[in-house]
Amino acid sequence: MTYVSDDPNLTEKRYNTVSRKGDITGEPADNITRDIKKAAKLATLLEGISFPTDKEKIKDHLNRLSPSMGNRINDVLEAIQNNLDDTVKYNSTYEIEKAARLVEQQ
């Protein structure tokens, strides 16, 4: 039997309610989200991580969540594994999302 979390932060409906900065302030957006669902999921999963952080600490943080999340975070783990640099210290969730190629700065 597969465990399904009741965490409202990880529901598909919540991802669809994310607004862009430009929608709120009336200013043009300063980035493009390539995959809004995956970017929102990553941001939620990174809650509680300490910055600056590196790829290994990010993977460890996500793997600690993995037993309760099942395979629903495999797409995020894959983006981290394939795109983040082992030697870089990341100072924010936004930097991690850019490095994971989920967000692109204009």
Protein backbone atom coordinates (compact mmCIF):
# COMPACT_ATOMS: atom_id res chain seq x y z
CA MET A 1 0.00 0.00 0.00
CA THR A 2 1.35 3.41 -0.94
CA TYR A 3 1.35 6.24 1.56
CA VAL A 4 -0.21 9.46 0.28
CA SER A 5 0.50 12.60 2.24
CA ASP A 6 -2.32 14.85 3.38
CA ASP A 7 0.01 17.86 3.09
CA PRO A 8 -1.98 20.58 1.28
CA ASN A 9 1.27 22.11 -0.01
CA LEU A 10 1.79 19.16 -2.33
CA THR A 11 -1.57 19.03 -4.08
CA GLU A 12 -1.91 19.82 -7.75
CA LYS A 13 -4.63 22.38 -7.00
CA ARG A 14 -2.25 24.48 -4.88
CA TYR A 15 0.32 24.68 -7.67
CA ASN A 16 -2.25 26.21 -9.99
CA THR A 17 -2.86 29.13 -7.60
CA VAL A 18 0.72 30.42 -7.69
CA SER A 19 0.92 33.99 -8.96
CA ARG A 20 3.84 35.65 -10.65
CA LYS A 21 5.38 38.80 -9.23
CA GLY A 22 4.13 40.79 -12.22
CA ASP A 23 0.56 39.64 -11.63
CA ILE A 24 0.66 41.03 -8.10
CA THR A 25 2.64 44.27 -8.57
CA GLY A 26 1.73 45.15 -12.14
CA GLU A 27 5.44 45.10 -13.04
CA PRO A 28 6.81 42.84 -15.74
CA ALA A 29 7.99 39.46 -14.52
CA ASP A 30 11.74 39.15 -14.12
CA ASN A 31 11.82 35.40 -14.73
CA ILE A 32 10.19 32.66 -16.73
CA THR A 33 9.07 29.48 -15.03
CA ARG A 34 9.78 26.49 -17.25
CA ASP A 35 7.79 24.03 -15.10
CA ILE A 36 5.61 25.78 -12.52
CA LYS A 37 4.41 22.58 -10.85
CA LYS A 38 7.91 21.23 -10.36
CA ALA A 39 9.25 24.64 -9.25
CA ALA A 40 6.47 25.03 -6.69
CA LYS A 41 7.03 21.48 -5.44
CA LEU A 42 10.77 22.11 -5.07
CA ALA A 43 10.18 25.37 -3.18
CA THR A 44 7.82 23.59 -0.80
CA LEU A 45 10.21 20.69 -0.29
CA LEU A 46 13.11 23.05 0.47
CA GLU A 47 11.29 24.64 3.41
CA GLY A 48 13.48 24.37 6.48
CA ILE A 49 16.79 23.90 4.66
CA SER A 50 19.67 26.11 5.87
CA PHE A 51 21.47 28.41 3.45
CA PRO A 52 24.07 28.52 2.10
CA THR A 53 23.79 24.91 1.01
CA ASP A 54 25.27 22.63 -1.59
CA LYS A 55 24.01 19.86 -3.84
CA GLU A 56 24.72 17.07 -1.34
CA LYS A 57 22.87 18.83 1.49
CA ILE A 58 19.93 19.50 -0.83
CA LYS A 59 19.78 15.84 -1.87
CA ASP A 60 20.06 14.73 1.78
CA HIS A 61 17.22 17.11 2.75
CA LEU A 62 15.00 15.79 -0.05
CA ASN A 63 15.87 12.16 0.70
CA ARG A 64 14.82 12.64 4.34
CA LEU A 65 11.40 13.64 3.01
CA SER A 66 11.33 10.80 0.50
CA PRO A 67 9.92 8.02 2.73
CA SER A 68 6.79 10.03 3.47
CA MET A 69 6.51 11.34 -0.10
CA GLY A 70 7.01 8.08 -1.96
CA ASN A 71 7.94 8.50 -5.60
CA ARG A 72 6.12 11.83 -5.95
CA ILE A 73 9.40 13.76 -5.63
CA ASN A 74 11.43 11.76 -8.14
CA ASP A 75 11.05 14.51 -10.75
CA VAL A 76 12.51 17.08 -8.35
CA LEU A 77 15.35 14.76 -7.30
CA GLU A 78 16.15 14.17 -10.97
CA ALA A 79 16.30 17.91 -11.69
CA ILE A 80 18.65 18.41 -8.72
CA GLN A 81 20.88 15.46 -9.63
CA ASN A 82 21.17 16.34 -13.32
CA ASN A 83 21.55 20.12 -13.14
CA LEU A 84 23.14 21.32 -9.89
CA ASP A 85 26.90 21.80 -9.67
CA ASP A 86 28.67 19.84 -6.93
CA THR A 87 31.03 22.73 -6.14
CA VAL A 88 28.53 25.61 -5.85
CA LYS A 89 26.99 26.96 -2.62
CA TYR A 90 23.39 28.05 -3.16
CA ASN A 91 22.04 30.96 -1.12
CA SER A 92 18.32 30.73 -1.84
CA THR A 93 15.56 28.55 -3.20
CA TYR A 94 15.47 30.80 -6.27
CA GLU A 95 19.16 30.10 -7.00
CA ILE A 96 18.47 26.37 -6.73
CA GLU A 97 15.46 26.64 -9.05
CA LYS A 98 17.56 28.54 -11.61
CA ALA A 99 20.38 25.98 -11.40
CA ALA A 100 17.86 23.13 -11.73
CA ARG A 101 16.59 24.84 -14.89
CA LEU A 102 13.08 25.20 -13.54
CA VAL A 103 13.25 29.01 -13.62
CA GLU A 104 15.02 31.21 -16.14
CA GLN A 105 15.93 34.82 -15.46
CA GLN A 106 15.09 37.23 -18.29
